[in-house]
Amino acid sequence: MSDVPTSADNGMDLAAASAAGWSLHDIEWESKAERAAALAWKGELEAAAVIWHELTALARDAFPANDPRLGTSLANTAFALRARGGGGGAAARPLFDEARRIWDGSWHWVQQIKPDQRARSSMFHLRMEGRHRETYKAYARKQLEDRAEAARGVVVALAEGKPPPGDGLPRWRAEKPPIYGDSRKFLSACFLLVSVPAETGDVT
C-alpha cells in the first residue's frame, strides 16, 4: 500500500487502516460511502446515487453476501432509484428486499466482531476493562446489536417510503471509532444509510 496516500478526504488515516489489515476495498467503501452521504445531506442526490451504485458493485464483488455494507449500499441505491421516479420504484423493490434480508441477519455479523479496546481511554479505564473483559465484551456487543436493530429499522422505513432519518451522517462523524477494526466497518454500515437534515423533509 505504499502507493496509497496517507489520508482521505473524509479524514481516514489510510496508513493506520492498512496497518490494521483493512483492504483497499474496505478503505474505498468507507471513504466513498461518507462522501455519498455528505452529498445526499446537501441535497445532491443524483451525485450521491452514482457513488452508491459503484459501492453496490464493489460490495458484491469484494465482501461476503451477508456483509452489512452491502445491505447499506443496496438500500441507498434503492432509495435513489425510487426518488428518481418513473420506473425507479419497481427497480428499487428487489434491492430493498435484499437489503432487508441482509440486515435481518446482521446479528450473525455482530457475534463475530471482536470488541475494540478503547485506545484513548485512561489507564484506569483500561485496567478496569482488562479485569472485567467479559462484562465489557457483552456490553460492547449489546451496543452493536442495538445499533444493528436501529439500522434495520431505517432500511424498513425507507422501503416503506418513509423519509430518511436526520441523524446518520452527523452521528457517524461524531462517533466513528478511532480504531480500524470490525466494529468500525460495521458502524459505518449502520450510520451511512442515507440521511438528510430534518428540515429537508421527504425527498422521495
N, C-alpha and C. Protein backbone atom coordinates (compact mmCIF):
# COMPACT_ATOMS: atom_id res chain seq x y z
N MET A 1 0.83 -1.21 0.00
CA MET A 1 0.00 0.00 0.00
C MET A 1 0.86 1.26 0.00
N SER A 2 2.12 1.15 -0.43
CA SER A 2 2.98 2.32 -0.42
C SER A 2 2.53 3.37 -1.42
N ASP A 3 1.69 2.96 -2.42
CA ASP A 3 1.22 3.89 -3.42
C ASP A 3 -0.07 4.59 -3.01
N VAL A 4 -0.54 4.32 -1.80
CA VAL A 4 -1.79 4.91 -1.32
C VAL A 4 -1.47 6.13 -0.48
N PRO A 5 -2.19 7.26 -0.66
CA PRO A 5 -1.93 8.44 0.17
C PRO A 5 -2.20 8.16 1.63
N THR A 6 -1.68 9.02 2.51
CA THR A 6 -1.79 8.77 3.94
C THR A 6 -3.08 9.26 4.55
N SER A 7 -3.89 10.00 3.80
CA SER A 7 -5.16 10.45 4.34
C SER A 7 -6.17 10.56 3.21
N ALA A 8 -7.47 10.47 3.57
CA ALA A 8 -8.54 10.59 2.60
C ALA A 8 -9.32 11.85 2.89
N ASP A 9 -10.22 12.21 1.94
CA ASP A 9 -10.94 13.47 2.12
C ASP A 9 -11.96 13.41 3.26
N ASN A 10 -12.19 12.23 3.82
CA ASN A 10 -13.08 12.13 4.97
C ASN A 10 -12.30 11.99 6.27
N GLY A 11 -11.00 12.20 6.22
CA GLY A 11 -10.19 12.16 7.42
C GLY A 11 -9.66 10.80 7.81
N MET A 12 -9.87 9.79 6.96
CA MET A 12 -9.33 8.47 7.28
C MET A 12 -7.81 8.52 7.30
N ASP A 13 -7.22 7.78 8.23
CA ASP A 13 -5.77 7.58 8.26
C ASP A 13 -5.51 6.29 7.49
N LEU A 14 -5.17 6.42 6.23
CA LEU A 14 -5.06 5.25 5.37
C LEU A 14 -3.90 4.35 5.79
N ALA A 15 -2.82 4.93 6.28
CA ALA A 15 -1.69 4.12 6.73
C ALA A 15 -2.10 3.27 7.93
N ALA A 16 -2.85 3.87 8.87
CA ALA A 16 -3.31 3.12 10.05
C ALA A 16 -4.30 2.04 9.65
N ALA A 17 -5.21 2.36 8.71
CA ALA A 17 -6.17 1.36 8.26
C ALA A 17 -5.47 0.18 7.61
N SER A 18 -4.49 0.47 6.77
CA SER A 18 -3.74 -0.59 6.11
C SER A 18 -2.97 -1.44 7.12
N ALA A 19 -2.35 -0.77 8.10
CA ALA A 19 -1.60 -1.49 9.13
C ALA A 19 -2.50 -2.39 9.96
N ALA A 20 -3.78 -2.01 10.09
CA ALA A 20 -4.74 -2.80 10.86
C ALA A 20 -5.32 -3.96 10.05
N GLY A 21 -4.92 -4.07 8.79
CA GLY A 21 -5.38 -5.18 7.98
C GLY A 21 -6.54 -4.86 7.06
N TRP A 22 -6.91 -3.59 6.97
CA TRP A 22 -8.00 -3.22 6.07
C TRP A 22 -7.52 -3.37 4.62
N SER A 23 -8.39 -3.88 3.78
CA SER A 23 -8.08 -3.99 2.36
C SER A 23 -8.37 -2.66 1.68
N LEU A 24 -7.90 -2.54 0.45
CA LEU A 24 -8.23 -1.36 -0.33
C LEU A 24 -9.73 -1.22 -0.52
N HIS A 25 -10.43 -2.35 -0.60
CA HIS A 25 -11.89 -2.31 -0.75
C HIS A 25 -12.55 -1.77 0.51
N ASP A 26 -12.05 -2.17 1.69
CA ASP A 26 -12.58 -1.65 2.95
C ASP A 26 -12.41 -0.13 3.01
N ILE A 27 -11.22 0.32 2.66
CA ILE A 27 -10.92 1.75 2.70
C ILE A 27 -11.78 2.51 1.69
N GLU A 28 -11.87 1.97 0.48
CA GLU A 28 -12.66 2.64 -0.55
C GLU A 28 -14.13 2.73 -0.17
N TRP A 29 -14.65 1.64 0.40
CA TRP A 29 -16.08 1.66 0.74
C TRP A 29 -16.38 2.76 1.75
N GLU A 30 -15.61 2.80 2.84
CA GLU A 30 -15.91 3.82 3.86
C GLU A 30 -15.74 5.22 3.32
N SER A 31 -14.64 5.46 2.62
CA SER A 31 -14.36 6.81 2.13
C SER A 31 -15.45 7.28 1.18
N LYS A 32 -15.85 6.44 0.22
CA LYS A 32 -16.86 6.82 -0.75
C LYS A 32 -18.25 6.87 -0.13
N ALA A 33 -18.53 5.98 0.82
CA ALA A 33 -19.85 5.98 1.46
C ALA A 33 -20.06 7.26 2.25
N GLU A 34 -19.02 7.74 2.91
CA GLU A 34 -19.15 9.00 3.64
C GLU A 34 -19.30 10.17 2.67
N ARG A 35 -18.57 10.12 1.56
CA ARG A 35 -18.70 11.18 0.56
C ARG A 35 -20.12 11.22 0.00
N ALA A 36 -20.67 10.05 -0.32
CA ALA A 36 -22.03 10.00 -0.85
C ALA A 36 -23.04 10.49 0.18
N ALA A 37 -22.85 10.10 1.43
CA ALA A 37 -23.75 10.55 2.49
C ALA A 37 -23.72 12.07 2.61
N ALA A 38 -22.53 12.66 2.47
CA ALA A 38 -22.41 14.11 2.55
C ALA A 38 -23.11 14.78 1.37
N LEU A 39 -23.01 14.20 0.19
CA LEU A 39 -23.70 14.75 -0.97
C LEU A 39 -25.21 14.70 -0.79
N ALA A 40 -25.71 13.55 -0.32
CA ALA A 40 -27.14 13.43 -0.09
C ALA A 40 -27.61 14.41 0.96
N TRP A 41 -26.79 14.61 1.98
CA TRP A 41 -27.13 15.55 3.06
C TRP A 41 -27.30 16.96 2.52
N LYS A 42 -26.51 17.31 1.49
CA LYS A 42 -26.58 18.64 0.87
C LYS A 42 -27.66 18.72 -0.21
N GLY A 43 -28.37 17.61 -0.44
CA GLY A 43 -29.41 17.62 -1.45
C GLY A 43 -28.95 17.22 -2.84
N GLU A 44 -27.69 16.81 -2.97
CA GLU A 44 -27.15 16.42 -4.27
C GLU A 44 -27.34 14.92 -4.47
N LEU A 45 -28.60 14.52 -4.59
CA LEU A 45 -28.95 13.10 -4.59
C LEU A 45 -28.44 12.38 -5.83
N GLU A 46 -28.47 13.02 -6.99
CA GLU A 46 -28.00 12.36 -8.20
C GLU A 46 -26.51 12.04 -8.11
N ALA A 47 -25.72 12.96 -7.58
CA ALA A 47 -24.28 12.70 -7.42
C ALA A 47 -24.05 11.58 -6.41
N ALA A 48 -24.83 11.59 -5.33
CA ALA A 48 -24.72 10.52 -4.34
C ALA A 48 -25.10 9.17 -4.95
N ALA A 49 -26.14 9.17 -5.80
CA ALA A 49 -26.61 7.92 -6.39
C ALA A 49 -25.54 7.26 -7.25
N VAL A 50 -24.75 8.05 -7.94
CA VAL A 50 -23.67 7.49 -8.76
C VAL A 50 -22.70 6.70 -7.87
N ILE A 51 -22.35 7.29 -6.73
CA ILE A 51 -21.41 6.62 -5.82
C ILE A 51 -22.06 5.40 -5.19
N TRP A 52 -23.32 5.49 -4.78
CA TRP A 52 -23.99 4.34 -4.18
C TRP A 52 -24.04 3.16 -5.14
N HIS A 53 -24.27 3.46 -6.42
CA HIS A 53 -24.28 2.39 -7.43
C HIS A 53 -22.91 1.73 -7.51
N GLU A 54 -21.85 2.53 -7.50
CA GLU A 54 -20.49 2.00 -7.52
C GLU A 54 -20.22 1.14 -6.28
N LEU A 55 -20.69 1.60 -5.14
CA LEU A 55 -20.44 0.87 -3.89
C LEU A 55 -21.22 -0.44 -3.84
N THR A 56 -22.39 -0.47 -4.45
CA THR A 56 -23.13 -1.73 -4.53
C THR A 56 -22.34 -2.75 -5.33
N ALA A 57 -21.79 -2.34 -6.45
CA ALA A 57 -20.97 -3.24 -7.26
C ALA A 57 -19.71 -3.67 -6.51
N LEU A 58 -19.07 -2.72 -5.83
CA LEU A 58 -17.87 -3.05 -5.06
C LEU A 58 -18.18 -4.05 -3.97
N ALA A 59 -19.27 -3.81 -3.21
CA ALA A 59 -19.61 -4.69 -2.10
C ALA A 59 -19.97 -6.08 -2.58
N ARG A 60 -20.66 -6.18 -3.71
CA ARG A 60 -20.99 -7.51 -4.26
C ARG A 60 -19.73 -8.28 -4.63
N ASP A 61 -18.75 -7.58 -5.17
CA ASP A 61 -17.53 -8.23 -5.63
C ASP A 61 -16.56 -8.56 -4.49
N ALA A 62 -16.49 -7.67 -3.48
CA ALA A 62 -15.39 -7.74 -2.52
C ALA A 62 -15.79 -8.25 -1.14
N PHE A 63 -17.08 -8.18 -0.77
CA PHE A 63 -17.50 -8.51 0.59
C PHE A 63 -18.39 -9.76 0.59
N PRO A 64 -18.50 -10.41 1.73
CA PRO A 64 -19.42 -11.55 1.83
C PRO A 64 -20.86 -11.13 1.55
N ALA A 65 -21.68 -12.11 1.16
CA ALA A 65 -23.07 -11.81 0.78
C ALA A 65 -23.89 -11.27 1.94
N ASN A 66 -23.45 -11.53 3.19
CA ASN A 66 -24.21 -11.06 4.35
C ASN A 66 -23.58 -9.82 4.99
N ASP A 67 -22.64 -9.19 4.31
CA ASP A 67 -21.96 -8.02 4.87
C ASP A 67 -22.93 -6.84 4.96
N PRO A 68 -23.07 -6.23 6.13
CA PRO A 68 -23.97 -5.09 6.27
C PRO A 68 -23.65 -3.93 5.33
N ARG A 69 -22.40 -3.81 4.92
CA ARG A 69 -22.05 -2.73 3.99
C ARG A 69 -22.72 -2.95 2.63
N LEU A 70 -22.92 -4.20 2.25
CA LEU A 70 -23.69 -4.49 1.05
C LEU A 70 -25.15 -4.12 1.27
N GLY A 71 -25.69 -4.44 2.46
CA GLY A 71 -27.06 -4.08 2.76
C GLY A 71 -27.29 -2.58 2.69
N THR A 72 -26.35 -1.81 3.22
CA THR A 72 -26.46 -0.36 3.18
C THR A 72 -26.35 0.17 1.75
N SER A 73 -25.42 -0.37 0.98
CA SER A 73 -25.26 0.05 -0.41
C SER A 73 -26.53 -0.21 -1.20
N LEU A 74 -27.13 -1.37 -1.00
CA LEU A 74 -28.37 -1.72 -1.71
C LEU A 74 -29.51 -0.79 -1.32
N ALA A 75 -29.65 -0.54 -0.02
CA ALA A 75 -30.74 0.32 0.45
C ALA A 75 -30.59 1.74 -0.08
N ASN A 76 -29.36 2.25 -0.07
CA ASN A 76 -29.14 3.61 -0.57
C ASN A 76 -29.39 3.70 -2.08
N THR A 77 -28.93 2.69 -2.81
CA THR A 77 -29.17 2.67 -4.25
C THR A 77 -30.66 2.58 -4.54
N ALA A 78 -31.36 1.75 -3.80
CA ALA A 78 -32.81 1.62 -3.98
C ALA A 78 -33.52 2.93 -3.69
N PHE A 79 -33.10 3.60 -2.63
CA PHE A 79 -33.69 4.89 -2.28
C PHE A 79 -33.54 5.89 -3.43
N ALA A 80 -32.33 5.93 -4.01
CA ALA A 80 -32.08 6.87 -5.10
C ALA A 80 -32.89 6.51 -6.35
N LEU A 81 -33.02 5.23 -6.64
CA LEU A 81 -33.82 4.80 -7.79
C LEU A 81 -35.27 5.24 -7.64
N ARG A 82 -35.82 5.01 -6.46
CA ARG A 82 -37.22 5.38 -6.25
C ARG A 82 -37.40 6.89 -6.29
N ALA A 83 -36.45 7.63 -5.75
CA ALA A 83 -36.54 9.09 -5.75
C ALA A 83 -36.49 9.65 -7.16
N ARG A 84 -35.87 8.91 -8.07
CA ARG A 84 -35.76 9.37 -9.45
C ARG A 84 -37.11 9.33 -10.17
N GLY A 85 -38.03 8.51 -9.66
CA GLY A 85 -39.36 8.43 -10.27
C GLY A 85 -39.39 7.51 -11.46
N GLY A 86 -40.45 7.59 -12.23
CA GLY A 86 -40.61 6.72 -13.39
C GLY A 86 -40.68 5.27 -12.97
N GLY A 87 -39.88 4.43 -13.59
CA GLY A 87 -39.85 3.02 -13.23
C GLY A 87 -38.91 2.70 -12.09
N GLY A 88 -38.37 3.74 -11.44
CA GLY A 88 -37.40 3.52 -10.37
C GLY A 88 -37.97 2.78 -9.19
N GLY A 89 -39.27 3.02 -8.91
CA GLY A 89 -39.89 2.35 -7.76
C GLY A 89 -39.89 0.84 -7.92
N ALA A 90 -40.23 0.36 -9.11
CA ALA A 90 -40.24 -1.07 -9.36
C ALA A 90 -38.84 -1.65 -9.29
N ALA A 91 -37.86 -0.92 -9.82
CA ALA A 91 -36.48 -1.39 -9.79
C ALA A 91 -35.92 -1.40 -8.37
N ALA A 92 -36.46 -0.51 -7.52
CA ALA A 92 -35.95 -0.40 -6.15
C ALA A 92 -36.40 -1.55 -5.27
N ARG A 93 -37.59 -2.09 -5.53
CA ARG A 93 -38.16 -3.08 -4.60
C ARG A 93 -37.26 -4.28 -4.34
N PRO A 94 -36.72 -4.96 -5.38
CA PRO A 94 -35.87 -6.12 -5.07
C PRO A 94 -34.59 -5.74 -4.33
N LEU A 95 -34.10 -4.53 -4.56
CA LEU A 95 -32.90 -4.09 -3.83
C LEU A 95 -33.22 -3.86 -2.36
N PHE A 96 -34.37 -3.23 -2.09
CA PHE A 96 -34.79 -3.07 -0.71
C PHE A 96 -34.98 -4.43 -0.04
N ASP A 97 -35.60 -5.37 -0.76
CA ASP A 97 -35.84 -6.71 -0.19
C ASP A 97 -34.52 -7.38 0.18
N GLU A 98 -33.54 -7.28 -0.69
CA GLU A 98 -32.24 -7.89 -0.41
C GLU A 98 -31.56 -7.20 0.77
N ALA A 99 -31.66 -5.87 0.80
CA ALA A 99 -31.06 -5.12 1.91
C ALA A 99 -31.69 -5.53 3.23
N ARG A 100 -33.00 -5.71 3.23
CA ARG A 100 -33.69 -6.12 4.47
C ARG A 100 -33.26 -7.50 4.91
N ARG A 101 -33.09 -8.42 3.96
CA ARG A 101 -32.64 -9.77 4.33
C ARG A 101 -31.25 -9.73 4.97
N ILE A 102 -30.39 -8.90 4.42
CA ILE A 102 -29.03 -8.80 4.98
C ILE A 102 -29.09 -8.23 6.39
N TRP A 103 -29.86 -7.16 6.58
CA TRP A 103 -29.92 -6.57 7.91
C TRP A 103 -30.70 -7.45 8.89
N ASP A 104 -31.64 -8.25 8.41
CA ASP A 104 -32.31 -9.21 9.29
C ASP A 104 -31.32 -10.19 9.90
N GLY A 105 -30.28 -10.53 9.15
CA GLY A 105 -29.28 -11.48 9.64
C GLY A 105 -28.03 -10.83 10.19
N SER A 106 -28.09 -9.52 10.43
CA SER A 106 -26.88 -8.81 10.84
C SER A 106 -26.36 -9.25 12.20
N TRP A 107 -27.22 -9.88 13.01
CA TRP A 107 -26.76 -10.33 14.33
C TRP A 107 -25.66 -11.38 14.18
N HIS A 108 -25.67 -12.13 13.08
CA HIS A 108 -24.58 -13.09 12.85
C HIS A 108 -23.25 -12.34 12.74
N TRP A 109 -23.27 -11.21 12.07
CA TRP A 109 -22.06 -10.42 11.91
C TRP A 109 -21.60 -9.87 13.25
N VAL A 110 -22.58 -9.40 14.04
CA VAL A 110 -22.25 -8.83 15.35
C VAL A 110 -21.56 -9.86 16.23
N GLN A 111 -22.03 -11.09 16.18
CA GLN A 111 -21.45 -12.14 17.01
C GLN A 111 -19.98 -12.41 16.68
N GLN A 112 -19.57 -12.09 15.48
CA GLN A 112 -18.19 -12.36 15.07
C GLN A 112 -17.25 -11.20 15.33
N ILE A 113 -17.80 -10.06 15.72
CA ILE A 113 -16.97 -8.87 15.94
C ILE A 113 -16.25 -8.97 17.27
N LYS A 114 -14.97 -8.73 17.23
CA LYS A 114 -14.17 -8.67 18.46
C LYS A 114 -14.17 -7.22 18.92
N PRO A 115 -14.77 -6.92 20.08
CA PRO A 115 -14.82 -5.53 20.54
C PRO A 115 -13.43 -4.91 20.63
N ASP A 116 -13.32 -3.66 20.21
CA ASP A 116 -12.04 -2.96 20.24
C ASP A 116 -11.72 -2.49 21.65
N GLN A 117 -10.44 -2.55 21.98
CA GLN A 117 -10.01 -1.93 23.23
C GLN A 117 -9.96 -0.44 23.01
N ARG A 118 -10.47 0.32 23.97
CA ARG A 118 -10.56 1.76 23.80
C ARG A 118 -9.20 2.41 24.00
N ALA A 119 -8.50 2.62 22.89
CA ALA A 119 -7.11 3.08 22.95
C ALA A 119 -6.98 4.45 23.60
N ARG A 120 -8.03 5.26 23.54
CA ARG A 120 -7.93 6.62 24.08
C ARG A 120 -8.41 6.71 25.52
N SER A 121 -8.78 5.58 26.12
CA SER A 121 -9.24 5.61 27.49
C SER A 121 -8.07 5.85 28.45
N SER A 122 -8.40 6.26 29.67
CA SER A 122 -7.38 6.45 30.68
C SER A 122 -6.83 5.10 31.11
N MET A 123 -5.67 5.13 31.74
CA MET A 123 -5.07 3.89 32.23
C MET A 123 -6.00 3.18 33.20
N PHE A 124 -6.71 3.95 34.03
CA PHE A 124 -7.65 3.35 34.97
C PHE A 124 -8.72 2.56 34.24
N HIS A 125 -9.32 3.18 33.19
CA HIS A 125 -10.38 2.51 32.47
C HIS A 125 -9.86 1.29 31.71
N LEU A 126 -8.64 1.39 31.19
CA LEU A 126 -8.06 0.24 30.50
C LEU A 126 -7.84 -0.91 31.47
N ARG A 127 -7.40 -0.60 32.70
CA ARG A 127 -7.20 -1.66 33.70
C ARG A 127 -8.53 -2.29 34.09
N MET A 128 -9.54 -1.45 34.29
CA MET A 128 -10.86 -1.98 34.64
C MET A 128 -11.41 -2.84 33.52
N GLU A 129 -11.17 -2.39 32.28
CA GLU A 129 -11.63 -3.16 31.14
C GLU A 129 -10.94 -4.52 31.10
N GLY A 130 -9.63 -4.54 31.43
CA GLY A 130 -8.90 -5.80 31.45
C GLY A 130 -9.41 -6.75 32.52
N ARG A 131 -9.78 -6.22 33.68
CA ARG A 131 -10.25 -7.06 34.78
C ARG A 131 -11.65 -7.61 34.54
N HIS A 132 -12.43 -6.86 33.81
CA HIS A 132 -13.83 -7.26 33.58
C HIS A 132 -14.08 -7.42 32.08
N ARG A 133 -13.17 -8.13 31.44
CA ARG A 133 -13.18 -8.23 29.99
C ARG A 133 -14.49 -8.82 29.47
N GLU A 134 -15.00 -9.86 30.09
CA GLU A 134 -16.21 -10.49 29.57
C GLU A 134 -17.42 -9.57 29.71
N THR A 135 -17.48 -8.85 30.83
CA THR A 135 -18.57 -7.89 31.01
C THR A 135 -18.49 -6.79 29.96
N TYR A 136 -17.29 -6.31 29.72
CA TYR A 136 -17.10 -5.27 28.71
C TYR A 136 -17.50 -5.79 27.32
N LYS A 137 -17.08 -7.02 26.99
CA LYS A 137 -17.40 -7.58 25.68
C LYS A 137 -18.90 -7.71 25.51
N ALA A 138 -19.59 -8.16 26.56
CA ALA A 138 -21.05 -8.30 26.48
C ALA A 138 -21.71 -6.94 26.29
N TYR A 139 -21.23 -5.94 27.00
CA TYR A 139 -21.79 -4.60 26.88
C TYR A 139 -21.55 -4.03 25.48
N ALA A 140 -20.33 -4.20 24.97
CA ALA A 140 -20.00 -3.69 23.64
C ALA A 140 -20.83 -4.38 22.58
N ARG A 141 -21.02 -5.69 22.73
CA ARG A 141 -21.82 -6.43 21.75
C ARG A 141 -23.28 -6.01 21.80
N LYS A 142 -23.79 -5.74 23.00
CA LYS A 142 -25.18 -5.29 23.12
C LYS A 142 -25.35 -3.93 22.42
N GLN A 143 -24.37 -3.07 22.55
CA GLN A 143 -24.44 -1.78 21.87
C GLN A 143 -24.50 -1.97 20.36
N LEU A 144 -23.69 -2.90 19.85
CA LEU A 144 -23.69 -3.16 18.42
C LEU A 144 -25.01 -3.77 17.97
N GLU A 145 -25.57 -4.66 18.80
CA GLU A 145 -26.87 -5.26 18.47
C GLU A 145 -27.96 -4.20 18.41
N ASP A 146 -27.93 -3.27 19.36
CA ASP A 146 -28.91 -2.17 19.36
C ASP A 146 -28.74 -1.30 18.13
N ARG A 147 -27.50 -1.03 17.75
CA ARG A 147 -27.26 -0.22 16.57
C ARG A 147 -27.72 -0.95 15.32
N ALA A 148 -27.51 -2.27 15.27
CA ALA A 148 -27.96 -3.06 14.12
C ALA A 148 -29.47 -3.02 13.99
N GLU A 149 -30.17 -3.13 15.11
CA GLU A 149 -31.63 -3.10 15.09
C GLU A 149 -32.13 -1.73 14.62
N ALA A 150 -31.45 -0.68 15.04
CA ALA A 150 -31.83 0.66 14.60
C ALA A 150 -31.61 0.81 13.10
N ALA A 151 -30.49 0.30 12.60
CA ALA A 151 -30.22 0.38 11.16
C ALA A 151 -31.23 -0.43 10.37
N ARG A 152 -31.57 -1.59 10.88
CA ARG A 152 -32.61 -2.40 10.21
C ARG A 152 -33.91 -1.61 10.14
N GLY A 153 -34.24 -0.91 11.21
CA GLY A 153 -35.45 -0.11 11.22
C GLY A 153 -35.42 0.99 10.17
N VAL A 154 -34.25 1.58 9.94
CA VAL A 154 -34.11 2.60 8.91
C VAL A 154 -34.37 2.00 7.54
N VAL A 155 -33.78 0.81 7.28
CA VAL A 155 -33.97 0.16 5.98
C VAL A 155 -35.44 -0.16 5.75
N VAL A 156 -36.11 -0.68 6.78
CA VAL A 156 -37.54 -1.00 6.66
C VAL A 156 -38.34 0.27 6.37
N ALA A 157 -38.02 1.34 7.09
CA ALA A 157 -38.74 2.61 6.89
C ALA A 157 -38.52 3.15 5.47
N LEU A 158 -37.28 3.09 5.00
CA LEU A 158 -37.00 3.56 3.64
C LEU A 158 -37.76 2.72 2.62
N ALA A 159 -37.81 1.41 2.84
CA ALA A 159 -38.53 0.52 1.91
C ALA A 159 -40.02 0.84 1.89
N GLU A 160 -40.52 1.32 3.00
CA GLU A 160 -41.95 1.66 3.09
C GLU A 160 -42.24 3.07 2.59
N GLY A 161 -41.21 3.75 2.11
CA GLY A 161 -41.41 5.08 1.55
C GLY A 161 -41.37 6.22 2.55
N LYS A 162 -40.92 5.95 3.76
CA LYS A 162 -40.83 7.00 4.76
C LYS A 162 -39.56 7.83 4.53
N PRO A 163 -39.54 9.08 5.02
CA PRO A 163 -38.37 9.94 4.81
C PRO A 163 -37.12 9.38 5.49
N PRO A 164 -35.95 9.68 4.96
CA PRO A 164 -34.71 9.26 5.61
C PRO A 164 -34.59 9.90 6.98
N PRO A 165 -33.83 9.29 7.88
CA PRO A 165 -33.61 9.89 9.20
C PRO A 165 -32.71 11.11 9.08
N GLY A 166 -32.62 11.87 10.16
CA GLY A 166 -31.83 13.09 10.13
C GLY A 166 -30.59 13.04 10.99
N ASP A 167 -30.16 11.83 11.37
CA ASP A 167 -29.03 11.78 12.31
C ASP A 167 -27.88 10.89 11.87
N GLY A 168 -28.00 10.19 10.76
CA GLY A 168 -26.99 9.20 10.41
C GLY A 168 -25.60 9.78 10.21
N LEU A 169 -25.48 10.70 9.25
CA LEU A 169 -24.17 11.28 8.95
C LEU A 169 -23.58 12.04 10.14
N PRO A 170 -24.36 12.90 10.82
CA PRO A 170 -23.77 13.60 11.98
C PRO A 170 -23.28 12.64 13.06
N ARG A 171 -24.04 11.58 13.31
CA ARG A 171 -23.62 10.64 14.35
C ARG A 171 -22.38 9.88 13.93
N TRP A 172 -22.29 9.52 12.66
CA TRP A 172 -21.09 8.83 12.19
C TRP A 172 -19.86 9.71 12.40
N ARG A 173 -19.97 10.97 12.04
CA ARG A 173 -18.81 11.85 12.17
C ARG A 173 -18.45 12.10 13.63
N ALA A 174 -19.45 12.03 14.49
CA ALA A 174 -19.19 12.25 15.92
C ALA A 174 -18.71 11.00 16.63
N GLU A 175 -19.14 9.82 16.15
CA GLU A 175 -18.94 8.60 16.92
C GLU A 175 -18.08 7.55 16.24
N LYS A 176 -17.54 7.82 15.05
CA LYS A 176 -16.77 6.79 14.37
C LYS A 176 -15.59 6.35 15.23
N PRO A 177 -15.39 5.05 15.38
CA PRO A 177 -14.31 4.57 16.25
C PRO A 177 -12.94 5.00 15.72
N PRO A 178 -12.02 5.33 16.61
CA PRO A 178 -10.68 5.70 16.16
C PRO A 178 -9.85 4.50 15.74
N ILE A 179 -10.30 3.30 16.12
CA ILE A 179 -9.58 2.07 15.82
C ILE A 179 -10.15 1.45 14.55
N TYR A 180 -9.26 1.03 13.64
CA TYR A 180 -9.69 0.43 12.39
C TYR A 180 -9.88 -1.08 12.58
N GLY A 181 -11.04 -1.41 13.13
CA GLY A 181 -11.38 -2.81 13.36
C GLY A 181 -12.72 -3.14 12.74
N ASP A 182 -13.23 -4.33 13.07
CA ASP A 182 -14.52 -4.75 12.51
C ASP A 182 -15.67 -3.89 13.03
N SER A 183 -15.55 -3.37 14.26
CA SER A 183 -16.61 -2.50 14.78
C SER A 183 -16.78 -1.27 13.90
N ARG A 184 -15.68 -0.70 13.44
CA ARG A 184 -15.77 0.49 12.59
C ARG A 184 -16.42 0.15 11.25
N LYS A 185 -16.06 -0.98 10.67
CA LYS A 185 -16.69 -1.39 9.41
C LYS A 185 -18.20 -1.53 9.61
N PHE A 186 -18.57 -2.16 10.72
CA PHE A 186 -20.00 -2.39 10.98
C PHE A 186 -20.74 -1.09 11.22
N LEU A 187 -20.17 -0.21 12.03
CA LEU A 187 -20.84 1.04 12.36
C LEU A 187 -20.94 1.97 11.15
N SER A 188 -19.96 1.88 10.24
CA SER A 188 -20.08 2.68 9.03
C SER A 188 -21.30 2.26 8.23
N ALA A 189 -21.57 0.95 8.19
CA ALA A 189 -22.77 0.47 7.50
C ALA A 189 -24.04 0.96 8.21
N CYS A 190 -24.00 1.00 9.51
CA CYS A 190 -25.18 1.45 10.27
C CYS A 190 -25.46 2.92 10.06
N PHE A 191 -24.44 3.76 10.16
CA PHE A 191 -24.65 5.20 10.17
C PHE A 191 -24.68 5.83 8.78
N LEU A 192 -24.11 5.16 7.77
CA LEU A 192 -24.02 5.77 6.45
C LEU A 192 -25.16 5.37 5.53
N LEU A 193 -26.24 4.85 6.11
CA LEU A 193 -27.50 4.82 5.39
C LEU A 193 -27.92 6.25 5.10
N VAL A 194 -28.60 6.47 3.99
CA VAL A 194 -28.96 7.82 3.59
C VAL A 194 -29.65 8.57 4.73
N SER A 195 -29.22 9.81 4.94
CA SER A 195 -29.86 10.67 5.93
C SER A 195 -29.89 12.08 5.38
N VAL A 196 -30.86 12.87 5.81
CA VAL A 196 -30.99 14.25 5.34
C VAL A 196 -31.32 15.12 6.54
N PRO A 197 -30.99 16.41 6.47
CA PRO A 197 -31.36 17.30 7.57
C PRO A 197 -32.86 17.25 7.83
N ALA A 198 -33.25 17.35 9.07
CA ALA A 198 -34.64 17.19 9.45
C ALA A 198 -35.55 18.16 8.72
N GLU A 199 -35.09 19.37 8.45
CA GLU A 199 -35.95 20.37 7.82
C GLU A 199 -36.15 20.10 6.33
N THR A 200 -35.35 19.18 5.77
CA THR A 200 -35.47 18.90 4.33
C THR A 200 -36.78 18.25 4.00
N GLY A 201 -37.24 17.34 4.89
CA GLY A 201 -38.49 16.66 4.63
C GLY A 201 -38.33 15.50 3.68
N ASP A 202 -39.43 15.07 3.08
CA ASP A 202 -39.45 13.89 2.23
C ASP A 202 -38.87 14.24 0.86
N VAL A 203 -37.75 13.56 0.51
CA VAL A 203 -37.13 13.81 -0.78
C VAL A 203 -37.41 12.70 -1.77
N THR A 204 -38.33 11.79 -1.40
CA THR A 204 -38.64 10.70 -2.30
C THR A 204 -39.73 11.11 -3.27
